[in-house]
Amino acid sequence: PAQDEALQRNLLRALLNLDEFLSAPLEH
């Protein structure tokens, strides 16, 4: 349980990276 917060942050960071990719316009 003591590791939950750090592991949740890692997951949130990965989701944020995906969100940034989906929000950035593509070349076309």
mmCIF file of all heavy atoms, coordinates in Angstrom:
data_MODEL
# 
_entry.id   MODEL 
# 
loop_
_atom_site.group_PDB 
_atom_site.id 
_atom_site.type_symbol 
_atom_site.label_atom_id 
_atom_site.label_alt_id 
_atom_site.label_comp_id 
_atom_site.label_asym_id 
_atom_site.label_entity_id 
_atom_site.label_seq_id 
_atom_site.pdbx_PDB_ins_code 
_atom_site.Cartn_x 
_atom_site.Cartn_y 
_atom_site.Cartn_z 
_atom_site.occupancy 
_atom_site.B_iso_or_equiv 
_atom_site.pdbx_formal_charge 
_atom_site.auth_seq_id 
_atom_site.auth_comp_id 
_atom_site.auth_asym_id 
_atom_site.auth_atom_id 
_atom_site.pdbx_PDB_model_num 
ATOM 1   N N   . PRO A 1 1  ? 0.806  -1.242 0.000   1.00 0.00 ? 1  PRO A N   1 
ATOM 2   C CA  . PRO A 1 1  ? 0.000  0.000  0.000   1.00 0.00 ? 1  PRO A CA  1 
ATOM 3   C C   . PRO A 1 1  ? 0.827  1.274  0.000   1.00 0.00 ? 1  PRO A C   1 
ATOM 4   O O   . PRO A 1 1  ? 0.426  2.261  -0.615  1.00 0.00 ? 1  PRO A O   1 
ATOM 5   C CB  . PRO A 1 1  ? -0.835 -0.132 1.281   1.00 0.00 ? 1  PRO A CB  1 
ATOM 6   C CG  . PRO A 1 1  ? -0.927 -1.606 1.524   1.00 0.00 ? 1  PRO A CG  1 
ATOM 7   C CD  . PRO A 1 1  ? 0.380  -2.175 1.067   1.00 0.00 ? 1  PRO A CD  1 
ATOM 8   N N   . ALA A 1 2  ? 1.978  1.268  0.663   1.00 0.00 ? 2  ALA A N   1 
ATOM 9   C CA  . ALA A 1 2  ? 2.794  2.477  0.750   1.00 0.00 ? 2  ALA A CA  1 
ATOM 10  C C   . ALA A 1 2  ? 3.324  2.927  -0.607  1.00 0.00 ? 2  ALA A C   1 
ATOM 11  O O   . ALA A 1 2  ? 3.718  4.087  -0.776  1.00 0.00 ? 2  ALA A O   1 
ATOM 12  C CB  . ALA A 1 2  ? 3.965  2.241  1.707   1.00 0.00 ? 2  ALA A CB  1 
ATOM 13  N N   . GLN A 1 3  ? 3.326  2.022  -1.594  1.00 0.00 ? 3  GLN A N   1 
ATOM 14  C CA  . GLN A 1 3  ? 3.833  2.366  -2.921  1.00 0.00 ? 3  GLN A CA  1 
ATOM 15  C C   . GLN A 1 3  ? 2.735  2.859  -3.874  1.00 0.00 ? 3  GLN A C   1 
ATOM 16  O O   . GLN A 1 3  ? 3.016  3.291  -4.987  1.00 0.00 ? 3  GLN A O   1 
ATOM 17  C CB  . GLN A 1 3  ? 4.532  1.155  -3.544  1.00 0.00 ? 3  GLN A CB  1 
ATOM 18  C CG  . GLN A 1 3  ? 5.756  0.687  -2.776  1.00 0.00 ? 3  GLN A CG  1 
ATOM 19  C CD  . GLN A 1 3  ? 6.363  -0.575 -3.377  1.00 0.00 ? 3  GLN A CD  1 
ATOM 20  O OE1 . GLN A 1 3  ? 5.803  -1.170 -4.296  1.00 0.00 ? 3  GLN A OE1 1 
ATOM 21  N NE2 . GLN A 1 3  ? 7.508  -0.980 -2.850  1.00 0.00 ? 3  GLN A NE2 1 
ATOM 22  N N   . ASP A 1 4  ? 1.500  2.780  -3.424  1.00 0.00 ? 4  ASP A N   1 
ATOM 23  C CA  . ASP A 1 4  ? 0.378  3.103  -4.311  1.00 0.00 ? 4  ASP A CA  1 
ATOM 24  C C   . ASP A 1 4  ? 0.468  4.505  -4.903  1.00 0.00 ? 4  ASP A C   1 
ATOM 25  O O   . ASP A 1 4  ? 0.251  4.706  -6.103  1.00 0.00 ? 4  ASP A O   1 
ATOM 26  C CB  . ASP A 1 4  ? -0.951 2.958  -3.559  1.00 0.00 ? 4  ASP A CB  1 
ATOM 27  C CG  . ASP A 1 4  ? -1.442 1.513  -3.531  1.00 0.00 ? 4  ASP A CG  1 
ATOM 28  O OD1 . ASP A 1 4  ? -0.843 0.668  -4.218  1.00 0.00 ? 4  ASP A OD1 1 
ATOM 29  O OD2 . ASP A 1 4  ? -2.414 1.243  -2.811  1.00 0.00 ? 4  ASP A OD2 1 
ATOM 30  N N   . GLU A 1 5  ? 0.766  5.482  -4.057  1.00 0.00 ? 5  GLU A N   1 
ATOM 31  C CA  . GLU A 1 5  ? 0.756  6.870  -4.513  1.00 0.00 ? 5  GLU A CA  1 
ATOM 32  C C   . GLU A 1 5  ? 1.786  7.104  -5.611  1.00 0.00 ? 5  GLU A C   1 
ATOM 33  O O   . GLU A 1 5  ? 1.490  7.737  -6.634  1.00 0.00 ? 5  GLU A O   1 
ATOM 34  C CB  . GLU A 1 5  ? 1.008  7.813  -3.338  1.00 0.00 ? 5  GLU A CB  1 
ATOM 35  C CG  . GLU A 1 5  ? 0.862  9.289  -3.707  1.00 0.00 ? 5  GLU A CG  1 
ATOM 36  C CD  . GLU A 1 5  ? 0.982  10.201 -2.498  1.00 0.00 ? 5  GLU A CD  1 
ATOM 37  O OE1 . GLU A 1 5  ? 0.873  9.711  -1.360  1.00 0.00 ? 5  GLU A OE1 1 
ATOM 38  O OE2 . GLU A 1 5  ? 1.208  11.406 -2.715  1.00 0.00 ? 5  GLU A OE2 1 
ATOM 39  N N   . ALA A 1 6  ? 2.993  6.587  -5.431  1.00 0.00 ? 6  ALA A N   1 
ATOM 40  C CA  . ALA A 1 6  ? 4.046  6.773  -6.431  1.00 0.00 ? 6  ALA A CA  1 
ATOM 41  C C   . ALA A 1 6  ? 3.696  6.057  -7.732  1.00 0.00 ? 6  ALA A C   1 
ATOM 42  O O   . ALA A 1 6  ? 3.911  6.588  -8.834  1.00 0.00 ? 6  ALA A O   1 
ATOM 43  C CB  . ALA A 1 6  ? 5.388  6.268  -5.891  1.00 0.00 ? 6  ALA A CB  1 
ATOM 44  N N   . LEU A 1 7  ? 3.136  4.849  -7.622  1.00 0.00 ? 7  LEU A N   1 
ATOM 45  C CA  . LEU A 1 7  ? 2.782  4.088  -8.816  1.00 0.00 ? 7  LEU A CA  1 
ATOM 46  C C   . LEU A 1 7  ? 1.608  4.733  -9.548  1.00 0.00 ? 7  LEU A C   1 
ATOM 47  O O   . LEU A 1 7  ? 1.547  4.707  -10.787 1.00 0.00 ? 7  LEU A O   1 
ATOM 48  C CB  . LEU A 1 7  ? 2.449  2.647  -8.436  1.00 0.00 ? 7  LEU A CB  1 
ATOM 49  C CG  . LEU A 1 7  ? 3.629  1.825  -7.887  1.00 0.00 ? 7  LEU A CG  1 
ATOM 50  C CD1 . LEU A 1 7  ? 3.158  0.452  -7.441  1.00 0.00 ? 7  LEU A CD1 1 
ATOM 51  C CD2 . LEU A 1 7  ? 4.728  1.708  -8.934  1.00 0.00 ? 7  LEU A CD2 1 
ATOM 52  N N   . GLN A 1 8  ? 0.694  5.324  -8.794  1.00 0.00 ? 8  GLN A N   1 
ATOM 53  C CA  . GLN A 1 8  ? -0.417 6.036  -9.422  1.00 0.00 ? 8  GLN A CA  1 
ATOM 54  C C   . GLN A 1 8  ? 0.097  7.248  -10.184 1.00 0.00 ? 8  GLN A C   1 
ATOM 55  O O   . GLN A 1 8  ? -0.374 7.553  -11.290 1.00 0.00 ? 8  GLN A O   1 
ATOM 56  C CB  . GLN A 1 8  ? -1.448 6.459  -8.372  1.00 0.00 ? 8  GLN A CB  1 
ATOM 57  C CG  . GLN A 1 8  ? -2.696 7.088  -8.973  1.00 0.00 ? 8  GLN A CG  1 
ATOM 58  C CD  . GLN A 1 8  ? -3.631 7.626  -7.900  1.00 0.00 ? 8  GLN A CD  1 
ATOM 59  O OE1 . GLN A 1 8  ? -3.519 8.781  -7.490  1.00 0.00 ? 8  GLN A OE1 1 
ATOM 60  N NE2 . GLN A 1 8  ? -4.550 6.796  -7.448  1.00 0.00 ? 8  GLN A NE2 1 
ATOM 61  N N   . ARG A 1 9  ? 1.066  7.953  -9.615  1.00 0.00 ? 9  ARG A N   1 
ATOM 62  C CA  . ARG A 1 9  ? 1.655  9.107  -10.301 1.00 0.00 ? 9  ARG A CA  1 
ATOM 63  C C   . ARG A 1 9  ? 2.312  8.683  -11.612 1.00 0.00 ? 9  ARG A C   1 
ATOM 64  O O   . ARG A 1 9  ? 2.229  9.386  -12.622 1.00 0.00 ? 9  ARG A O   1 
ATOM 65  C CB  . ARG A 1 9  ? 2.677  9.809  -9.398  1.00 0.00 ? 9  ARG A CB  1 
ATOM 66  C CG  . ARG A 1 9  ? 2.066  10.699 -8.322  1.00 0.00 ? 9  ARG A CG  1 
ATOM 67  C CD  . ARG A 1 9  ? 3.081  11.707 -7.797  1.00 0.00 ? 9  ARG A CD  1 
ATOM 68  N NE  . ARG A 1 9  ? 4.287  11.045 -7.293  1.00 0.00 ? 9  ARG A NE  1 
ATOM 69  C CZ  . ARG A 1 9  ? 4.446  10.635 -6.025  1.00 0.00 ? 9  ARG A CZ  1 
ATOM 70  N NH1 . ARG A 1 9  ? 3.464  10.827 -5.143  1.00 0.00 ? 9  ARG A NH1 1 
ATOM 71  N NH2 . ARG A 1 9  ? 5.556  10.063 -5.644  1.00 0.00 ? 9  ARG A NH2 1 
ATOM 72  N N   . ASN A 1 10 ? 2.997  7.535  -11.601 1.00 0.00 ? 10 ASN A N   1 
ATOM 73  C CA  . ASN A 1 10 ? 3.633  7.042  -12.828 1.00 0.00 ? 10 ASN A CA  1 
ATOM 74  C C   . ASN A 1 10 ? 2.595  6.777  -13.912 1.00 0.00 ? 10 ASN A C   1 
ATOM 75  O O   . ASN A 1 10 ? 2.807  7.090  -15.089 1.00 0.00 ? 10 ASN A O   1 
ATOM 76  C CB  . ASN A 1 10 ? 4.406  5.754  -12.530 1.00 0.00 ? 10 ASN A CB  1 
ATOM 77  C CG  . ASN A 1 10 ? 5.663  5.994  -11.724 1.00 0.00 ? 10 ASN A CG  1 
ATOM 78  O OD1 . ASN A 1 10 ? 6.161  7.122  -11.654 1.00 0.00 ? 10 ASN A OD1 1 
ATOM 79  N ND2 . ASN A 1 10 ? 6.187  4.954  -11.105 1.00 0.00 ? 10 ASN A ND2 1 
ATOM 80  N N   . LEU A 1 11 ? 1.470  6.186  -13.505 1.00 0.00 ? 11 LEU A N   1 
ATOM 81  C CA  . LEU A 1 11 ? 0.398  5.911  -14.459 1.00 0.00 ? 11 LEU A CA  1 
ATOM 82  C C   . LEU A 1 11 ? -0.191 7.222  -14.983 1.00 0.00 ? 11 LEU A C   1 
ATOM 83  O O   . LEU A 1 11 ? -0.432 7.375  -16.193 1.00 0.00 ? 11 LEU A O   1 
ATOM 84  C CB  . LEU A 1 11 ? -0.683 5.057  -13.808 1.00 0.00 ? 11 LEU A CB  1 
ATOM 85  C CG  . LEU A 1 11 ? -1.955 4.804  -14.633 1.00 0.00 ? 11 LEU A CG  1 
ATOM 86  C CD1 . LEU A 1 11 ? -1.615 4.154  -15.973 1.00 0.00 ? 11 LEU A CD1 1 
ATOM 87  C CD2 . LEU A 1 11 ? -2.929 3.936  -13.853 1.00 0.00 ? 11 LEU A CD2 1 
ATOM 88  N N   . LEU A 1 12 ? -0.428 8.178  -14.095 1.00 0.00 ? 12 LEU A N   1 
ATOM 89  C CA  . LEU A 1 12 ? -0.977 9.471  -14.505 1.00 0.00 ? 12 LEU A CA  1 
ATOM 90  C C   . LEU A 1 12 ? -0.045 10.190 -15.475 1.00 0.00 ? 12 LEU A C   1 
ATOM 91  O O   . LEU A 1 12 ? -0.495 10.824 -16.436 1.00 0.00 ? 12 LEU A O   1 
ATOM 92  C CB  . LEU A 1 12 ? -1.230 10.347 -13.277 1.00 0.00 ? 12 LEU A CB  1 
ATOM 93  C CG  . LEU A 1 12 ? -2.497 10.038 -12.479 1.00 0.00 ? 12 LEU A CG  1 
ATOM 94  C CD1 . LEU A 1 12 ? -2.498 10.817 -11.173 1.00 0.00 ? 12 LEU A CD1 1 
ATOM 95  C CD2 . LEU A 1 12 ? -3.736 10.380 -13.297 1.00 0.00 ? 12 LEU A CD2 1 
ATOM 96  N N   . ARG A 1 13 ? 1.261  10.069 -15.237 1.00 0.00 ? 13 ARG A N   1 
ATOM 97  C CA  . ARG A 1 13 ? 2.230  10.711 -16.126 1.00 0.00 ? 13 ARG A CA  1 
ATOM 98  C C   . ARG A 1 13 ? 2.152  10.104 -17.529 1.00 0.00 ? 13 ARG A C   1 
ATOM 99  O O   . ARG A 1 13 ? 2.221  10.823 -18.535 1.00 0.00 ? 13 ARG A O   1 
ATOM 100 C CB  . ARG A 1 13 ? 3.636  10.556 -15.539 1.00 0.00 ? 13 ARG A CB  1 
ATOM 101 C CG  . ARG A 1 13 ? 4.692  11.432 -16.210 1.00 0.00 ? 13 ARG A CG  1 
ATOM 102 C CD  . ARG A 1 13 ? 6.035  11.338 -15.506 1.00 0.00 ? 13 ARG A CD  1 
ATOM 103 N NE  . ARG A 1 13 ? 5.932  11.749 -14.109 1.00 0.00 ? 13 ARG A NE  1 
ATOM 104 C CZ  . ARG A 1 13 ? 6.113  10.928 -13.072 1.00 0.00 ? 13 ARG A CZ  1 
ATOM 105 N NH1 . ARG A 1 13 ? 6.395  9.647  -13.257 1.00 0.00 ? 13 ARG A NH1 1 
ATOM 106 N NH2 . ARG A 1 13 ? 6.010  11.388 -11.840 1.00 0.00 ? 13 ARG A NH2 1 
ATOM 107 N N   . ALA A 1 14 ? 2.004  8.784  -17.592 1.00 0.00 ? 14 ALA A N   1 
ATOM 108 C CA  . ALA A 1 14 ? 1.885  8.120  -18.898 1.00 0.00 ? 14 ALA A CA  1 
ATOM 109 C C   . ALA A 1 14 ? 0.601  8.538  -19.609 1.00 0.00 ? 14 ALA A C   1 
ATOM 110 O O   . ALA A 1 14 ? 0.588  8.752  -20.829 1.00 0.00 ? 14 ALA A O   1 
ATOM 111 C CB  . ALA A 1 14 ? 1.928  6.600  -18.711 1.00 0.00 ? 14 ALA A CB  1 
ATOM 112 N N   . LEU A 1 15 ? -0.494 8.662  -18.856 1.00 0.00 ? 15 LEU A N   1 
ATOM 113 C CA  . LEU A 1 15 ? -1.761 9.113  -19.448 1.00 0.00 ? 15 LEU A CA  1 
ATOM 114 C C   . LEU A 1 15 ? -1.656 10.555 -19.924 1.00 0.00 ? 15 LEU A C   1 
ATOM 115 O O   . LEU A 1 15 ? -2.205 10.922 -20.972 1.00 0.00 ? 15 LEU A O   1 
ATOM 116 C CB  . LEU A 1 15 ? -2.887 8.974  -18.423 1.00 0.00 ? 15 LEU A CB  1 
ATOM 117 C CG  . LEU A 1 15 ? -3.332 7.537  -18.103 1.00 0.00 ? 15 LEU A CG  1 
ATOM 118 C CD1 . LEU A 1 15 ? -4.212 7.517  -16.855 1.00 0.00 ? 15 LEU A CD1 1 
ATOM 119 C CD2 . LEU A 1 15 ? -4.075 6.929  -19.290 1.00 0.00 ? 15 LEU A CD2 1 
ATOM 120 N N   . LEU A 1 16 ? -0.943 11.383 -19.164 1.00 0.00 ? 16 LEU A N   1 
ATOM 121 C CA  . LEU A 1 16 ? -0.751 12.778 -19.557 1.00 0.00 ? 16 LEU A CA  1 
ATOM 122 C C   . LEU A 1 16 ? 0.045  12.869 -20.859 1.00 0.00 ? 16 LEU A C   1 
ATOM 123 O O   . LEU A 1 16 ? -0.266 13.683 -21.740 1.00 0.00 ? 16 LEU A O   1 
ATOM 124 C CB  . LEU A 1 16 ? -0.040 13.542 -18.443 1.00 0.00 ? 16 LEU A CB  1 
ATOM 125 C CG  . LEU A 1 16 ? 0.270  15.022 -18.723 1.00 0.00 ? 16 LEU A CG  1 
ATOM 126 C CD1 . LEU A 1 16 ? -1.012 15.802 -18.990 1.00 0.00 ? 16 LEU A CD1 1 
ATOM 127 C CD2 . LEU A 1 16 ? 1.039  15.645 -17.558 1.00 0.00 ? 16 LEU A CD2 1 
ATOM 128 N N   . ASN A 1 17 ? 1.067  12.024 -21.001 1.00 0.00 ? 17 ASN A N   1 
ATOM 129 C CA  . ASN A 1 17 ? 1.851  12.010 -22.233 1.00 0.00 ? 17 ASN A CA  1 
ATOM 130 C C   . ASN A 1 17 ? 0.971  11.644 -23.435 1.00 0.00 ? 17 ASN A C   1 
ATOM 131 O O   . ASN A 1 17 ? 1.105  12.222 -24.513 1.00 0.00 ? 17 ASN A O   1 
ATOM 132 C CB  . ASN A 1 17 ? 3.013  11.023 -22.114 1.00 0.00 ? 17 ASN A CB  1 
ATOM 133 C CG  . ASN A 1 17 ? 4.086  11.503 -21.158 1.00 0.00 ? 17 ASN A CG  1 
ATOM 134 O OD1 . ASN A 1 17 ? 4.197  12.702 -20.875 1.00 0.00 ? 17 ASN A OD1 1 
ATOM 135 N ND2 . ASN A 1 17 ? 4.883  10.588 -20.644 1.00 0.00 ? 17 ASN A ND2 1 
ATOM 136 N N   . LEU A 1 18 ? 0.081  10.672 -23.232 1.00 0.00 ? 18 LEU A N   1 
ATOM 137 C CA  . LEU A 1 18 ? -0.844 10.299 -24.304 1.00 0.00 ? 18 LEU A CA  1 
ATOM 138 C C   . LEU A 1 18 ? -1.767 11.465 -24.629 1.00 0.00 ? 18 LEU A C   1 
ATOM 139 O O   . LEU A 1 18 ? -2.042 11.748 -25.810 1.00 0.00 ? 18 LEU A O   1 
ATOM 140 C CB  . LEU A 1 18 ? -1.656 9.069  -23.907 1.00 0.00 ? 18 LEU A CB  1 
ATOM 141 C CG  . LEU A 1 18 ? -2.761 8.655  -24.893 1.00 0.00 ? 18 LEU A CG  1 
ATOM 142 C CD1 . LEU A 1 18 ? -2.164 8.272  -26.247 1.00 0.00 ? 18 LEU A CD1 1 
ATOM 143 C CD2 . LEU A 1 18 ? -3.587 7.505  -24.325 1.00 0.00 ? 18 LEU A CD2 1 
ATOM 144 N N   . ASP A 1 19 ? -2.252 12.132 -23.598 1.00 0.00 ? 19 ASP A N   1 
ATOM 145 C CA  . ASP A 1 19 ? -3.156 13.269 -23.810 1.00 0.00 ? 19 ASP A CA  1 
ATOM 146 C C   . ASP A 1 19 ? -2.464 14.374 -24.605 1.00 0.00 ? 19 ASP A C   1 
ATOM 147 O O   . ASP A 1 19 ? -3.075 14.980 -25.497 1.00 0.00 ? 19 ASP A O   1 
ATOM 148 C CB  . ASP A 1 19 ? -3.623 13.806 -22.453 1.00 0.00 ? 19 ASP A CB  1 
ATOM 149 C CG  . ASP A 1 19 ? -4.711 14.859 -22.588 1.00 0.00 ? 19 ASP A CG  1 
ATOM 150 O OD1 . ASP A 1 19 ? -5.854 14.484 -22.900 1.00 0.00 ? 19 ASP A OD1 1 
ATOM 151 O OD2 . ASP A 1 19 ? -4.403 16.057 -22.404 1.00 0.00 ? 19 ASP A OD2 1 
ATOM 152 N N   . GLU A 1 20 ? -1.207 14.618 -24.298 1.00 0.00 ? 20 GLU A N   1 
ATOM 153 C CA  . GLU A 1 20 ? -0.462 15.658 -25.016 1.00 0.00 ? 20 GLU A CA  1 
ATOM 154 C C   . GLU A 1 20 ? -0.298 15.276 -26.488 1.00 0.00 ? 20 GLU A C   1 
ATOM 155 O O   . GLU A 1 20 ? -0.388 16.131 -27.372 1.00 0.00 ? 20 GLU A O   1 
ATOM 156 C CB  . GLU A 1 20 ? 0.896  15.874 -24.350 1.00 0.00 ? 20 GLU A CB  1 
ATOM 157 C CG  . GLU A 1 20 ? 0.787  16.538 -22.990 1.00 0.00 ? 20 GLU A CG  1 
ATOM 158 C CD  . GLU A 1 20 ? 2.114  16.632 -22.263 1.00 0.00 ? 20 GLU A CD  1 
ATOM 159 O OE1 . GLU A 1 20 ? 3.095  15.984 -22.727 1.00 0.00 ? 20 GLU A OE1 1 
ATOM 160 O OE2 . GLU A 1 20 ? 2.179  17.323 -21.232 1.00 0.00 ? 20 GLU A OE2 1 
ATOM 161 N N   . PHE A 1 21 ? -0.055 13.977 -26.756 1.00 0.00 ? 21 PHE A N   1 
ATOM 162 C CA  . PHE A 1 21 ? 0.069  13.528 -28.139 1.00 0.00 ? 21 PHE A CA  1 
ATOM 163 C C   . PHE A 1 21 ? -1.244 13.698 -28.890 1.00 0.00 ? 21 PHE A C   1 
ATOM 164 O O   . PHE A 1 21 ? -1.274 14.181 -30.027 1.00 0.00 ? 21 PHE A O   1 
ATOM 165 C CB  . PHE A 1 21 ? 0.511  12.064 -28.181 1.00 0.00 ? 21 PHE A CB  1 
ATOM 166 C CG  . PHE A 1 21 ? 0.534  11.493 -29.571 1.00 0.00 ? 21 PHE A CG  1 
ATOM 167 C CD1 . PHE A 1 21 ? 1.565  11.789 -30.446 1.00 0.00 ? 21 PHE A CD1 1 
ATOM 168 C CD2 . PHE A 1 21 ? -0.500 10.671 -30.010 1.00 0.00 ? 21 PHE A CD2 1 
ATOM 169 C CE1 . PHE A 1 21 ? 1.571  11.275 -31.747 1.00 0.00 ? 21 PHE A CE1 1 
ATOM 170 C CE2 . PHE A 1 21 ? -0.500 10.159 -31.297 1.00 0.00 ? 21 PHE A CE2 1 
ATOM 171 C CZ  . PHE A 1 21 ? 0.541  10.457 -32.169 1.00 0.00 ? 21 PHE A CZ  1 
ATOM 172 N N   . LEU A 1 22 ? -2.341 13.313 -28.242 1.00 0.00 ? 22 LEU A N   1 
ATOM 173 C CA  . LEU A 1 22 ? -3.654 13.402 -28.893 1.00 0.00 ? 22 LEU A CA  1 
ATOM 174 C C   . LEU A 1 22 ? -4.105 14.844 -29.073 1.00 0.00 ? 22 LEU A C   1 
ATOM 175 O O   . LEU A 1 22 ? -4.931 15.135 -29.943 1.00 0.00 ? 22 LEU A O   1 
ATOM 176 C CB  . LEU A 1 22 ? -4.689 12.628 -28.073 1.00 0.00 ? 22 LEU A CB  1 
ATOM 177 C CG  . LEU A 1 22 ? -4.558 11.107 -28.110 1.00 0.00 ? 22 LEU A CG  1 
ATOM 178 C CD1 . LEU A 1 22 ? -5.381 10.473 -26.989 1.00 0.00 ? 22 LEU A CD1 1 
ATOM 179 C CD2 . LEU A 1 22 ? -4.998 10.552 -29.459 1.00 0.00 ? 22 LEU A CD2 1 
ATOM 180 N N   . SER A 1 23 ? -3.587 15.738 -28.264 1.00 0.00 ? 23 SER A N   1 
ATOM 181 C CA  . SER A 1 23 ? -3.994 17.145 -28.335 1.00 0.00 ? 23 SER A CA  1 
ATOM 182 C C   . SER A 1 23 ? -3.151 17.949 -29.327 1.00 0.00 ? 23 SER A C   1 
ATOM 183 O O   . SER A 1 23 ? -3.569 19.030 -29.767 1.00 0.00 ? 23 SER A O   1 
ATOM 184 C CB  . SER A 1 23 ? -3.898 17.790 -26.946 1.00 0.00 ? 23 SER A CB  1 
ATOM 185 O OG  . SER A 1 23 ? -4.764 17.126 -26.030 1.00 0.00 ? 23 SER A OG  1 
ATOM 186 N N   . ALA A 1 24 ? -1.976 17.429 -29.665 1.00 0.00 ? 24 ALA A N   1 
ATOM 187 C CA  . ALA A 1 24 ? -1.095 18.141 -30.593 1.00 0.00 ? 24 ALA A CA  1 
ATOM 188 C C   . ALA A 1 24 ? -1.502 17.852 -32.039 1.00 0.00 ? 24 ALA A C   1 
ATOM 189 O O   . ALA A 1 24 ? -1.665 16.688 -32.412 1.00 0.00 ? 24 ALA A O   1 
ATOM 190 C CB  . ALA A 1 24 ? 0.355  17.722 -30.362 1.00 0.00 ? 24 ALA A CB  1 
ATOM 191 N N   . PRO A 1 25 ? -1.701 18.871 -32.860 1.00 0.00 ? 25 PRO A N   1 
ATOM 192 C CA  . PRO A 1 25 ? -2.089 18.640 -34.261 1.00 0.00 ? 25 PRO A CA  1 
ATOM 193 C C   . PRO A 1 25 ? -1.035 17.836 -35.015 1.00 0.00 ? 25 PRO A C   1 
ATOM 194 O O   . PRO A 1 25 ? 0.172  18.023 -34.814 1.00 0.00 ? 25 PRO A O   1 
ATOM 195 C CB  . PRO A 1 25 ? -2.209 20.060 -34.832 1.00 0.00 ? 25 PRO A CB  1 
ATOM 196 C CG  . PRO A 1 25 ? -2.395 20.940 -33.650 1.00 0.00 ? 25 PRO A CG  1 
ATOM 197 C CD  . PRO A 1 25 ? -1.628 20.310 -32.533 1.00 0.00 ? 25 PRO A CD  1 
ATOM 198 N N   . LEU A 1 26 ? -1.488 16.946 -35.876 1.00 0.00 ? 26 LEU A N   1 
ATOM 199 C CA  . LEU A 1 26 ? -0.592 16.179 -36.725 1.00 0.00 ? 26 LEU A CA  1 
ATOM 200 C C   . LEU A 1 26 ? -0.248 16.991 -37.970 1.00 0.00 ? 26 LEU A C   1 
ATOM 201 O O   . LEU A 1 26 ? -0.877 18.011 -38.276 1.00 0.00 ? 26 LEU A O   1 
ATOM 202 C CB  . LEU A 1 26 ? -1.246 14.858 -37.124 1.00 0.00 ? 26 LEU A CB  1 
ATOM 203 C CG  . LEU A 1 26 ? -1.491 13.867 -35.979 1.00 0.00 ? 26 LEU A CG  1 
ATOM 204 C CD1 . LEU A 1 26 ? -2.265 12.653 -36.482 1.00 0.00 ? 26 LEU A CD1 1 
ATOM 205 C CD2 . LEU A 1 26 ? -0.176 13.429 -35.336 1.00 0.00 ? 26 LEU A CD2 1 
ATOM 206 N N   . GLU A 1 27 ? 0.743  16.508 -38.691 1.00 0.00 ? 27 GLU A N   1 
ATOM 207 C CA  . GLU A 1 27 ? 1.247  17.247 -39.850 1.00 0.00 ? 27 GLU A CA  1 
ATOM 208 C C   . GLU A 1 27 ? 0.155  17.540 -40.873 1.00 0.00 ? 27 GLU A C   1 
ATOM 209 O O   . GLU A 1 27 ? 0.063  18.658 -41.394 1.00 0.00 ? 27 GLU A O   1 
ATOM 210 C CB  . GLU A 1 27 ? 2.373  16.438 -40.494 1.00 0.00 ? 27 GLU A CB  1 
ATOM 211 C CG  . GLU A 1 27 ? 3.060  17.115 -41.659 1.00 0.00 ? 27 GLU A CG  1 
ATOM 212 C CD  . GLU A 1 27 ? 4.183  16.269 -42.232 1.00 0.00 ? 27 GLU A CD  1 
ATOM 213 O OE1 . GLU A 1 27 ? 4.818  15.527 -41.446 1.00 0.00 ? 27 GLU A OE1 1 
ATOM 214 O OE2 . GLU A 1 27 ? 4.419  16.347 -43.437 1.00 0.00 ? 27 GLU A OE2 1 
ATOM 215 N N   . HIS A 1 28 ? -0.691 16.535 -41.155 1.00 0.00 ? 28 HIS A N   1 
ATOM 216 C CA  . HIS A 1 28 ? -1.718 16.765 -42.169 1.00 0.00 ? 28 HIS A CA  1 
ATOM 217 C C   . HIS A 1 28 ? -2.793 17.740 -41.683 1.00 0.00 ? 28 HIS A C   1 
ATOM 218 O O   . HIS A 1 28 ? -3.421 18.433 -42.484 1.00 0.00 ? 28 HIS A O   1 
ATOM 219 C CB  . HIS A 1 28 ? -2.355 15.443 -42.613 1.00 0.00 ? 28 HIS A CB  1 
ATOM 220 C CG  . HIS A 1 28 ? -3.256 14.816 -41.611 1.00 0.00 ? 28 HIS A CG  1 
ATOM 221 N ND1 . HIS A 1 28 ? -2.811 13.921 -40.662 1.00 0.00 ? 28 HIS A ND1 1 
ATOM 222 C CD2 . HIS A 1 28 ? -4.595 14.943 -41.394 1.00 0.00 ? 28 HIS A CD2 1 
ATOM 223 C CE1 . HIS A 1 28 ? -3.823 13.525 -39.921 1.00 0.00 ? 28 HIS A CE1 1 
ATOM 224 N NE2 . HIS A 1 28 ? -4.918 14.135 -40.333 1.00 0.00 ? 28 HIS A NE2 1 
# 
